[in-house]
Amino acid sequence: LVTILVVMALCVTVIVAMTTRSEQATRATGRDLDAAQAQALM
């Protein structure tokens, strides 16, 4: 039972890390797109 709980905790940690990284990448991509569009306006 302890082993299963540890494995589940590790899985949850990996999922959270991947989700956070994906959100950061999405935000960075959005910022890059905003900057490119602002440059195009200028």
PDB file of all heavy atoms in Angstrom:
ATOM      1  N   LEU A   1       0.819  -1.202   0.000  1.00  0.00           N
ATOM      2  CA  LEU A   1       0.000   0.000   0.000  1.00  0.00           C
ATOM      3  C   LEU A   1       0.861   1.263   0.000  1.00  0.00           C
ATOM      4  O   LEU A   1       0.607   2.224  -0.733  1.00  0.00           O
ATOM      5  CB  LEU A   1      -0.922  -0.001   1.228  1.00  0.00           C
ATOM      6  CG  LEU A   1      -1.832   1.223   1.376  1.00  0.00           C
ATOM      7  CD1 LEU A   1      -2.736   1.363   0.158  1.00  0.00           C
ATOM      8  CD2 LEU A   1      -2.659   1.119   2.657  1.00  0.00           C
ATOM      9  N   VAL A   2       1.900   1.259   0.822  1.00  0.00           N
ATOM     10  CA  VAL A   2       2.801   2.411   0.878  1.00  0.00           C
ATOM     11  C   VAL A   2       3.478   2.619  -0.472  1.00  0.00           C
ATOM     12  O   VAL A   2       3.606   3.744  -0.978  1.00  0.00           O
ATOM     13  CB  VAL A   2       3.849   2.230   1.986  1.00  0.00           C
ATOM     14  CG1 VAL A   2       4.928   3.312   1.888  1.00  0.00           C
ATOM     15  CG2 VAL A   2       3.197   2.274   3.349  1.00  0.00           C
ATOM     16  N   THR A   3       3.887   1.495  -1.069  1.00  0.00           N
ATOM     17  CA  THR A   3       4.558   1.597  -2.378  1.00  0.00           C
ATOM     18  C   THR A   3       3.625   2.197  -3.422  1.00  0.00           C
ATOM     19  O   THR A   3       4.001   3.065  -4.220  1.00  0.00           O
ATOM     20  CB  THR A   3       5.033   0.210  -2.845  1.00  0.00           C
ATOM     21  OG1 THR A   3       5.914  -0.333  -1.861  1.00  0.00           O
ATOM     22  CG2 THR A   3       5.741   0.307  -4.188  1.00  0.00           C
ATOM     23  N   ILE A   4       2.356   1.733  -3.402  1.00  0.00           N
ATOM     24  CA  ILE A   4       1.375   2.255  -4.354  1.00  0.00           C
ATOM     25  C   ILE A   4       1.162   3.752  -4.144  1.00  0.00           C
ATOM     26  O   ILE A   4       1.096   4.540  -5.095  1.00  0.00           O
ATOM     27  CB  ILE A   4       0.044   1.491  -4.219  1.00  0.00           C
ATOM     28  CG1 ILE A   4       0.222   0.037  -4.696  1.00  0.00           C
ATOM     29  CG2 ILE A   4      -1.066   2.179  -5.012  1.00  0.00           C
ATOM     30  CD1 ILE A   4      -0.980  -0.846  -4.440  1.00  0.00           C
ATOM     31  N   LEU A   5       1.060   4.160  -2.876  1.00  0.00           N
ATOM     32  CA  LEU A   5       0.858   5.572  -2.577  1.00  0.00           C
ATOM     33  C   LEU A   5       2.045   6.423  -3.056  1.00  0.00           C
ATOM     34  O   LEU A   5       1.871   7.531  -3.578  1.00  0.00           O
ATOM     35  CB  LEU A   5       0.634   5.767  -1.076  1.00  0.00           C
ATOM     36  CG  LEU A   5      -0.694   5.215  -0.524  1.00  0.00           C
ATOM     37  CD1 LEU A   5      -0.727   5.341   1.004  1.00  0.00           C
ATOM     38  CD2 LEU A   5      -1.863   5.966  -1.141  1.00  0.00           C
ATOM     39  N   VAL A   6       3.249   5.881  -2.850  1.00  0.00           N
ATOM     40  CA  VAL A   6       4.444   6.608  -3.305  1.00  0.00           C
ATOM     41  C   VAL A   6       4.437   6.751  -4.816  1.00  0.00           C
ATOM     42  O   VAL A   6       4.711   7.826  -5.371  1.00  0.00           O
ATOM     43  CB  VAL A   6       5.726   5.897  -2.837  1.00  0.00           C
ATOM     44  CG1 VAL A   6       6.955   6.511  -3.513  1.00  0.00           C
ATOM     45  CG2 VAL A   6       5.861   5.975  -1.318  1.00  0.00           C
ATOM     46  N   VAL A   7       4.109   5.657  -5.515  1.00  0.00           N
ATOM     47  CA  VAL A   7       4.073   5.696  -6.974  1.00  0.00           C
ATOM     48  C   VAL A   7       3.019   6.683  -7.453  1.00  0.00           C
ATOM     49  O   VAL A   7       3.234   7.480  -8.384  1.00  0.00           O
ATOM     50  CB  VAL A   7       3.801   4.292  -7.542  1.00  0.00           C
ATOM     51  CG1 VAL A   7       3.541   4.367  -9.053  1.00  0.00           C
ATOM     52  CG2 VAL A   7       4.990   3.381  -7.268  1.00  0.00           C
ATOM     53  N   MET A   8       1.835   6.690  -6.807  1.00  0.00           N
ATOM     54  CA  MET A   8       0.771   7.619  -7.189  1.00  0.00           C
ATOM     55  C   MET A   8       1.212   9.073  -6.963  1.00  0.00           C
ATOM     56  O   MET A   8       0.924   9.954  -7.776  1.00  0.00           O
ATOM     57  CB  MET A   8      -0.500   7.319  -6.394  1.00  0.00           C
ATOM     58  CG  MET A   8      -1.181   6.013  -6.807  1.00  0.00           C
ATOM     59  SD  MET A   8      -2.667   5.687  -5.832  1.00  0.00           S
ATOM     60  CE  MET A   8      -3.679   7.081  -6.351  1.00  0.00           C
ATOM     61  N   ALA A   9       1.900   9.299  -5.853  1.00  0.00           N
ATOM     62  CA  ALA A   9       2.368  10.661  -5.566  1.00  0.00           C
ATOM     63  C   ALA A   9       3.364  11.127  -6.616  1.00  0.00           C
ATOM     64  O   ALA A   9       3.328  12.286  -7.076  1.00  0.00           O
ATOM     65  CB  ALA A   9       3.004  10.718  -4.179  1.00  0.00           C
ATOM     66  N   LEU A  10       4.237  10.206  -7.019  1.00  0.00           N
ATOM     67  CA  LEU A  10       5.212  10.544  -8.056  1.00  0.00           C
ATOM     68  C   LEU A  10       4.504  10.848  -9.375  1.00  0.00           C
ATOM     69  O   LEU A  10       4.862  11.792 -10.103  1.00  0.00           O
ATOM     70  CB  LEU A  10       6.221   9.402  -8.234  1.00  0.00           C
ATOM     71  CG  LEU A  10       7.235   9.209  -7.097  1.00  0.00           C
ATOM     72  CD1 LEU A  10       8.046   7.941  -7.323  1.00  0.00           C
ATOM     73  CD2 LEU A  10       8.154  10.417  -7.006  1.00  0.00           C
ATOM     74  N   CYS A  11       3.483  10.059  -9.691  1.00  0.00           N
ATOM     75  CA  CYS A  11       2.741  10.288 -10.936  1.00  0.00           C
ATOM     76  C   CYS A  11       2.053  11.653 -10.919  1.00  0.00           C
ATOM     77  O   CYS A  11       2.066  12.389 -11.910  1.00  0.00           O
ATOM     78  CB  CYS A  11       1.713   9.181 -11.137  1.00  0.00           C
ATOM     79  SG  CYS A  11       2.429   7.554 -11.539  1.00  0.00           S
ATOM     80  N   VAL A  12       1.437  11.954  -9.762  1.00  0.00           N
ATOM     81  CA  VAL A  12       0.771  13.241  -9.633  1.00  0.00           C
ATOM     82  C   VAL A  12       1.781  14.382  -9.795  1.00  0.00           C
ATOM     83  O   VAL A  12       1.530  15.398 -10.467  1.00  0.00           O
ATOM     84  CB  VAL A  12       0.042  13.352  -8.282  1.00  0.00           C
ATOM     85  CG1 VAL A  12      -0.430  14.791  -8.053  1.00  0.00           C
ATOM     86  CG2 VAL A  12      -1.133  12.402  -8.256  1.00  0.00           C
ATOM     87  N   THR A  13       2.966  14.233  -9.186  1.00  0.00           N
ATOM     88  CA  THR A  13       4.007  15.258  -9.287  1.00  0.00           C
ATOM     89  C   THR A  13       4.433  15.465 -10.729  1.00  0.00           C
ATOM     90  O   THR A  13       4.586  16.603 -11.206  1.00  0.00           O
ATOM     91  CB  THR A  13       5.229  14.861  -8.436  1.00  0.00           C
ATOM     92  OG1 THR A  13       4.824  14.704  -7.085  1.00  0.00           O
ATOM     93  CG2 THR A  13       6.320  15.919  -8.531  1.00  0.00           C
ATOM     94  N   VAL A  14       4.603  14.347 -11.449  1.00  0.00           N
ATOM     95  CA  VAL A  14       5.004  14.435 -12.855  1.00  0.00           C
ATOM     96  C   VAL A  14       3.918  15.128 -13.681  1.00  0.00           C
ATOM     97  O   VAL A  14       4.193  15.994 -14.528  1.00  0.00           O
ATOM     98  CB  VAL A  14       5.312  13.033 -13.417  1.00  0.00           C
ATOM     99  CG1 VAL A  14       5.495  13.095 -14.940  1.00  0.00           C
ATOM    100  CG2 VAL A  14       6.549  12.454 -12.757  1.00  0.00           C
ATOM    101  N   ILE A  15       2.662  14.760 -13.422  1.00  0.00           N
ATOM    102  CA  ILE A  15       1.550  15.362 -14.171  1.00  0.00           C
ATOM    103  C   ILE A  15       1.469  16.856 -13.911  1.00  0.00           C
ATOM    104  O   ILE A  15       1.296  17.670 -14.826  1.00  0.00           O
ATOM    105  CB  ILE A  15       0.225  14.662 -13.799  1.00  0.00           C
ATOM    106  CG1 ILE A  15       0.224  13.221 -14.329  1.00  0.00           C
ATOM    107  CG2 ILE A  15      -0.962  15.448 -14.365  1.00  0.00           C
ATOM    108  CD1 ILE A  15      -0.943  12.390 -13.843  1.00  0.00           C
ATOM    109  N   VAL A  16       1.603  17.260 -12.613  1.00  0.00           N
ATOM    110  CA  VAL A  16       1.553  18.683 -12.269  1.00  0.00           C
ATOM    111  C   VAL A  16       2.694  19.444 -12.937  1.00  0.00           C
ATOM    112  O   VAL A  16       2.513  20.545 -13.471  1.00  0.00           O
ATOM    113  CB  VAL A  16       1.600  18.870 -10.739  1.00  0.00           C
ATOM    114  CG1 VAL A  16       1.815  20.339 -10.381  1.00  0.00           C
ATOM    115  CG2 VAL A  16       0.318  18.356 -10.108  1.00  0.00           C
ATOM    116  N   ALA A  17       3.893  18.841 -12.909  1.00  0.00           N
ATOM    117  CA  ALA A  17       5.055  19.494 -13.524  1.00  0.00           C
ATOM    118  C   ALA A  17       4.850  19.663 -15.019  1.00  0.00           C
ATOM    119  O   ALA A  17       5.146  20.716 -15.602  1.00  0.00           O
ATOM    120  CB  ALA A  17       6.314  18.679 -13.246  1.00  0.00           C
ATOM    121  N   MET A  18       4.308  18.608 -15.658  1.00  0.00           N
ATOM    122  CA  MET A  18       4.086  18.686 -17.099  1.00  0.00           C
ATOM    123  C   MET A  18       3.016  19.727 -17.430  1.00  0.00           C
ATOM    124  O   MET A  18       3.139  20.488 -18.401  1.00  0.00           O
ATOM    125  CB  MET A  18       3.665  17.315 -17.637  1.00  0.00           C
ATOM    126  CG  MET A  18       4.777  16.265 -17.591  1.00  0.00           C
ATOM    127  SD  MET A  18       4.214  14.638 -18.158  1.00  0.00           S
ATOM    128  CE  MET A  18       3.806  14.990 -19.867  1.00  0.00           C
ATOM    129  N   THR A  19       1.968  19.776 -16.602  1.00  0.00           N
ATOM    130  CA  THR A  19       0.903  20.750 -16.832  1.00  0.00           C
ATOM    131  C   THR A  19       1.421  22.172 -16.666  1.00  0.00           C
ATOM    132  O   THR A  19       1.138  23.069 -17.473  1.00  0.00           O
ATOM    133  CB  THR A  19      -0.259  20.498 -15.869  1.00  0.00           C
ATOM    134  OG1 THR A  19      -0.750  19.165 -16.046  1.00  0.00           O
ATOM    135  CG2 THR A  19      -1.389  21.503 -16.106  1.00  0.00           C
ATOM    136  N   THR A  20       2.208  22.390 -15.590  1.00  0.00           N
ATOM    137  CA  THR A  20       2.769  23.718 -15.344  1.00  0.00           C
ATOM    138  C   THR A  20       3.678  24.151 -16.476  1.00  0.00           C
ATOM    139  O   THR A  20       3.623  25.291 -16.954  1.00  0.00           O
ATOM    140  CB  THR A  20       3.553  23.723 -14.022  1.00  0.00           C
ATOM    141  OG1 THR A  20       2.675  23.335 -12.966  1.00  0.00           O
ATOM    142  CG2 THR A  20       4.130  25.107 -13.735  1.00  0.00           C
ATOM    143  N   ARG A  21       4.515  23.193 -16.906  1.00  0.00           N
ATOM    144  CA  ARG A  21       5.430  23.513 -17.996  1.00  0.00           C
ATOM    145  C   ARG A  21       4.660  23.826 -19.271  1.00  0.00           C
ATOM    146  O   ARG A  21       5.020  24.739 -20.033  1.00  0.00           O
ATOM    147  CB  ARG A  21       6.382  22.352 -18.217  1.00  0.00           C
ATOM    148  CG  ARG A  21       7.515  22.656 -19.170  1.00  0.00           C
ATOM    149  CD  ARG A  21       8.598  21.622 -19.049  1.00  0.00           C
ATOM    150  NE  ARG A  21       9.734  21.972 -19.885  1.00  0.00           N
ATOM    151  CZ  ARG A  21      10.867  21.274 -19.889  1.00  0.00           C
ATOM    152  NH1 ARG A  21      11.010  20.241 -19.096  1.00  0.00           N
ATOM    153  NH2 ARG A  21      11.850  21.638 -20.675  1.00  0.00           N
ATOM    154  N   SER A  22       3.569  23.096 -19.517  1.00  0.00           N
ATOM    155  CA  SER A  22       2.759  23.340 -20.705  1.00  0.00           C
ATOM    156  C   SER A  22       2.107  24.719 -20.647  1.00  0.00           C
ATOM    157  O   SER A  22       2.072  25.441 -21.648  1.00  0.00           O
ATOM    158  CB  SER A  22       1.688  22.263 -20.821  1.00  0.00           C
ATOM    159  OG  SER A  22       0.830  22.512 -21.910  1.00  0.00           O
ATOM    160  N   GLU A  23       1.612  25.076 -19.434  1.00  0.00           N
ATOM    161  CA  GLU A  23       1.002  26.395 -19.285  1.00  0.00           C
ATOM    162  C   GLU A  23       2.023  27.503 -19.491  1.00  0.00           C
ATOM    163  O   GLU A  23       1.734  28.527 -20.126  1.00  0.00           O
ATOM    164  CB  GLU A  23       0.367  26.516 -17.897  1.00  0.00           C
ATOM    165  CG  GLU A  23      -0.870  25.641 -17.707  1.00  0.00           C
ATOM    166  CD  GLU A  23      -1.399  25.696 -16.293  1.00  0.00           C
ATOM    167  OE1 GLU A  23      -0.674  26.257 -15.429  1.00  0.00           O
ATOM    168  OE2 GLU A  23      -2.505  25.196 -16.046  1.00  0.00           O
ATOM    169  N   GLN A  24       3.232  27.310 -18.947  1.00  0.00           N
ATOM    170  CA  GLN A  24       4.287  28.307 -19.133  1.00  0.00           C
ATOM    171  C   GLN A  24       4.660  28.441 -20.599  1.00  0.00           C
ATOM    172  O   GLN A  24       4.867  29.554 -21.108  1.00  0.00           O
ATOM    173  CB  GLN A  24       5.522  27.919 -18.305  1.00  0.00           C
ATOM    174  CG  GLN A  24       5.311  28.041 -16.796  1.00  0.00           C
ATOM    175  CD  GLN A  24       6.490  27.518 -16.012  1.00  0.00           C
ATOM    176  OE1 GLN A  24       7.323  26.776 -16.533  1.00  0.00           O
ATOM    177  NE2 GLN A  24       6.568  27.904 -14.744  1.00  0.00           N
ATOM    178  N   ALA A  25       4.740  27.300 -21.289  1.00  0.00           N
ATOM    179  CA  ALA A  25       5.070  27.338 -22.714  1.00  0.00           C
ATOM    180  C   ALA A  25       3.976  28.048 -23.497  1.00  0.00           C
ATOM    181  O   ALA A  25       4.245  28.824 -24.424  1.00  0.00           O
ATOM    182  CB  ALA A  25       5.275  25.918 -23.236  1.00  0.00           C
ATOM    183  N   THR A  26       2.713  27.790 -23.098  1.00  0.00           N
ATOM    184  CA  THR A  26       1.589  28.448 -23.781  1.00  0.00           C
ATOM    185  C   THR A  26       1.640  29.953 -23.576  1.00  0.00           C
ATOM    186  O   THR A  26       1.437  30.735 -24.510  1.00  0.00           O
ATOM    187  CB  THR A  26       0.257  27.888 -23.266  1.00  0.00           C
ATOM    188  OG1 THR A  26       0.208  26.479 -23.519  1.00  0.00           O
ATOM    189  CG2 THR A  26      -0.912  28.566 -23.955  1.00  0.00           C
ATOM    190  N   ARG A  27       1.928  30.363 -22.299  1.00  0.00           N
ATOM    191  CA  ARG A  27       2.014  31.790 -22.019  1.00  0.00           C
ATOM    192  C   ARG A  27       3.168  32.425 -22.783  1.00  0.00           C
ATOM    193  O   ARG A  27       3.052  33.529 -23.321  1.00  0.00           O
ATOM    194  CB  ARG A  27       2.172  32.030 -20.521  1.00  0.00           C
ATOM    195  CG  ARG A  27       0.896  31.790 -19.715  1.00  0.00           C
ATOM    196  CD  ARG A  27       1.004  32.415 -18.342  1.00  0.00           C
ATOM    197  NE  ARG A  27       2.043  31.776 -17.543  1.00  0.00           N
ATOM    198  CZ  ARG A  27       1.829  30.747 -16.736  1.00  0.00           C
ATOM    199  NH1 ARG A  27       0.612  30.223 -16.622  1.00  0.00           N
ATOM    200  NH2 ARG A  27       2.821  30.227 -16.037  1.00  0.00           N
ATOM    201  N   ALA A  28       4.315  31.730 -22.828  1.00  0.00           N
ATOM    202  CA  ALA A  28       5.473  32.260 -23.557  1.00  0.00           C
ATOM    203  C   ALA A  28       5.162  32.393 -25.046  1.00  0.00           C
ATOM    204  O   ALA A  28       5.512  33.387 -25.686  1.00  0.00           O
ATOM    205  CB  ALA A  28       6.682  31.354 -23.350  1.00  0.00           C
ATOM    206  N   THR A  29       4.460  31.381 -25.582  1.00  0.00           N
ATOM    207  CA  THR A  29       4.089  31.436 -26.993  1.00  0.00           C
ATOM    208  C   THR A  29       3.144  32.612 -27.244  1.00  0.00           C
ATOM    209  O   THR A  29       3.260  33.323 -28.243  1.00  0.00           O
ATOM    210  CB  THR A  29       3.421  30.128 -27.418  1.00  0.00           C
ATOM    211  OG1 THR A  29       4.333  29.050 -27.215  1.00  0.00           O
ATOM    212  CG2 THR A  29       3.007  30.175 -28.887  1.00  0.00           C
ATOM    213  N   GLY A  30       2.223  32.822 -26.292  1.00  0.00           N
ATOM    214  CA  GLY A  30       1.305  33.952 -26.412  1.00  0.00           C
ATOM    215  C   GLY A  30       2.034  35.279 -26.377  1.00  0.00           C
ATOM    216  O   GLY A  30       1.717  36.187 -27.154  1.00  0.00           O
ATOM    217  N   ARG A  31       3.019  35.398 -25.483  1.00  0.00           N
ATOM    218  CA  ARG A  31       3.796  36.638 -25.407  1.00  0.00           C
ATOM    219  C   ARG A  31       4.571  36.866 -26.692  1.00  0.00           C
ATOM    220  O   ARG A  31       4.650  37.992 -27.191  1.00  0.00           O
ATOM    221  CB  ARG A  31       4.744  36.600 -24.203  1.00  0.00           C
ATOM    222  CG  ARG A  31       4.058  36.748 -22.857  1.00  0.00           C
ATOM    223  CD  ARG A  31       5.070  37.039 -21.769  1.00  0.00           C
ATOM    224  NE  ARG A  31       6.033  35.973 -21.614  1.00  0.00           N
ATOM    225  CZ  ARG A  31       5.888  34.943 -20.772  1.00  0.00           C
ATOM    226  NH1 ARG A  31       4.799  34.859 -20.037  1.00  0.00           N
ATOM    227  NH2 ARG A  31       6.812  34.008 -20.672  1.00  0.00           N
ATOM    228  N   ASP A  32       5.165  35.797 -27.214  1.00  0.00           N
ATOM    229  CA  ASP A  32       5.915  35.921 -28.471  1.00  0.00           C
ATOM    230  C   ASP A  32       4.990  36.349 -29.611  1.00  0.00           C
ATOM    231  O   ASP A  32       5.367  37.185 -30.450  1.00  0.00           O
ATOM    232  CB  ASP A  32       6.588  34.593 -28.827  1.00  0.00           C
ATOM    233  CG  ASP A  32       7.735  34.252 -27.876  1.00  0.00           C
ATOM    234  OD1 ASP A  32       8.184  35.160 -27.159  1.00  0.00           O
ATOM    235  OD2 ASP A  32       8.154  33.081 -27.855  1.00  0.00           O
ATOM    236  N   LEU A  33       3.774  35.795 -29.640  1.00  0.00           N
ATOM    237  CA  LEU A  33       2.820  36.154 -30.695  1.00  0.00           C
ATOM    238  C   LEU A  33       2.389  37.612 -30.540  1.00  0.00           C
ATOM    239  O   LEU A  33       2.322  38.351 -31.529  1.00  0.00           O
ATOM    240  CB  LEU A  33       1.605  35.239 -30.635  1.00  0.00           C
ATOM    241  CG  LEU A  33       0.511  35.495 -31.681  1.00  0.00           C
ATOM    242  CD1 LEU A  33       1.072  35.358 -33.088  1.00  0.00           C
ATOM    243  CD2 LEU A  33      -0.655  34.536 -31.475  1.00  0.00           C
ATOM    244  N   ASP A  34       2.129  38.042 -29.294  1.00  0.00           N
ATOM    245  CA  ASP A  34       1.770  39.443 -29.051  1.00  0.00           C
ATOM    246  C   ASP A  34       2.886  40.372 -29.507  1.00  0.00           C
ATOM    247  O   ASP A  34       2.637  41.401 -30.143  1.00  0.00           O
ATOM    248  CB  ASP A  34       1.500  39.675 -27.557  1.00  0.00           C
ATOM    249  CG  ASP A  34       0.182  39.062 -27.096  1.00  0.00           C
ATOM    250  OD1 ASP A  34      -0.625  38.671 -27.959  1.00  0.00           O
ATOM    251  OD2 ASP A  34      -0.020  38.959 -25.871  1.00  0.00           O
ATOM    252  N   ALA A  35       4.142  40.007 -29.171  1.00  0.00           N
ATOM    253  CA  ALA A  35       5.286  40.851 -29.548  1.00  0.00           C
ATOM    254  C   ALA A  35       5.425  40.927 -31.066  1.00  0.00           C
ATOM    255  O   ALA A  35       5.688  42.002 -31.623  1.00  0.00           O
ATOM    256  CB  ALA A  35       6.569  40.313 -28.923  1.00  0.00           C
ATOM    257  N   ALA A  36       5.224  39.803 -31.743  1.00  0.00           N
ATOM    258  CA  ALA A  36       5.336  39.788 -33.205  1.00  0.00           C
ATOM    259  C   ALA A  36       4.246  40.653 -33.838  1.00  0.00           C
ATOM    260  O   ALA A  36       4.495  41.394 -34.798  1.00  0.00           O
ATOM    261  CB  ALA A  36       5.241  38.355 -33.725  1.00  0.00           C
ATOM    262  N   GLN A  37       3.032  40.582 -33.288  1.00  0.00           N
ATOM    263  CA  GLN A  37       1.943  41.391 -33.837  1.00  0.00           C
ATOM    264  C   GLN A  37       2.163  42.880 -33.564  1.00  0.00           C
ATOM    265  O   GLN A  37       1.850  43.724 -34.407  1.00  0.00           O
ATOM    266  CB  GLN A  37       0.614  40.918 -33.245  1.00  0.00           C
ATOM    267  CG  GLN A  37       0.192  39.542 -33.740  1.00  0.00           C
ATOM    268  CD  GLN A  37      -1.073  39.038 -33.065  1.00  0.00           C
ATOM    269  OE1 GLN A  37      -1.355  39.360 -31.911  1.00  0.00           O
ATOM    270  NE2 GLN A  37      -1.844  38.250 -33.784  1.00  0.00           N
ATOM    271  N   ALA A  38       2.707  43.206 -32.375  1.00  0.00           N
ATOM    272  CA  ALA A  38       3.004  44.605 -32.068  1.00  0.00           C
ATOM    273  C   ALA A  38       4.085  45.136 -33.008  1.00  0.00           C
ATOM    274  O   ALA A  38       4.005  46.274 -33.486  1.00  0.00           O
ATOM    275  CB  ALA A  38       3.441  44.747 -30.612  1.00  0.00           C
ATOM    276  N   GLN A  39       5.088  44.309 -33.275  1.00  0.00           N
ATOM    277  CA  GLN A  39       6.141  44.705 -34.222  1.00  0.00           C
ATOM    278  C   GLN A  39       5.550  44.925 -35.608  1.00  0.00           C
ATOM    279  O   GLN A  39       5.931  45.863 -36.325  1.00  0.00           O
ATOM    280  CB  GLN A  39       7.225  43.613 -34.285  1.00  0.00           C
ATOM    281  CG  GLN A  39       8.066  43.484 -33.033  1.00  0.00           C
ATOM    282  CD  GLN A  39       9.173  44.521 -32.966  1.00  0.00           C
ATOM    283  OE1 GLN A  39       9.323  45.352 -33.857  1.00  0.00           O
ATOM    284  NE2 GLN A  39       9.954  44.493 -31.896  1.00  0.00           N
ATOM    285  N   ALA A  40       4.591  44.087 -36.002  1.00  0.00           N
ATOM    286  CA  ALA A  40       3.965  44.230 -37.316  1.00  0.00           C
ATOM    287  C   ALA A  40       3.162  45.531 -37.387  1.00  0.00           C
ATOM    288  O   ALA A  40       3.171  46.215 -38.416  1.00  0.00           O
ATOM    289  CB  ALA A  40       3.062  43.034 -37.599  1.00  0.00           C
ATOM    290  N   LEU A  41       2.483  45.880 -36.288  1.00  0.00           N
ATOM    291  CA  LEU A  41       1.749  47.148 -36.243  1.00  0.00           C
ATOM    292  C   LEU A  41       2.698  48.329 -36.409  1.00  0.00           C
ATOM    293  O   LEU A  41       2.417  49.279 -37.142  1.00  0.00           O
ATOM    294  CB  LEU A  41       0.997  47.270 -34.913  1.00  0.00           C
ATOM    295  CG  LEU A  41      -0.437  46.753 -34.840  1.00  0.00           C
ATOM    296  CD1 LEU A  41      -0.987  46.949 -33.430  1.00  0.00           C
ATOM    297  CD2 LEU A  41      -1.321  47.443 -35.854  1.00  0.00           C
ATOM    298  N   MET A  42       3.825  48.281 -35.696  1.00  0.00           N
ATOM    299  CA  MET A  42       4.799  49.360 -35.779  1.00  0.00           C
ATOM    300  C   MET A  42       5.353  49.476 -37.202  1.00  0.00           C
ATOM    301  O   MET A  42       5.477  50.582 -37.745  1.00  0.00           O
ATOM    302  CB  MET A  42       5.941  49.134 -34.785  1.00  0.00           C
ATOM    303  CG  MET A  42       6.950  50.282 -34.739  1.00  0.00           C
ATOM    304  SD  MET A  42       8.267  50.020 -33.511  1.00  0.00           S
ATOM    305  CE  MET A  42       9.222  48.748 -34.349  1.00  0.00           C
TER     306      MET A  42
END
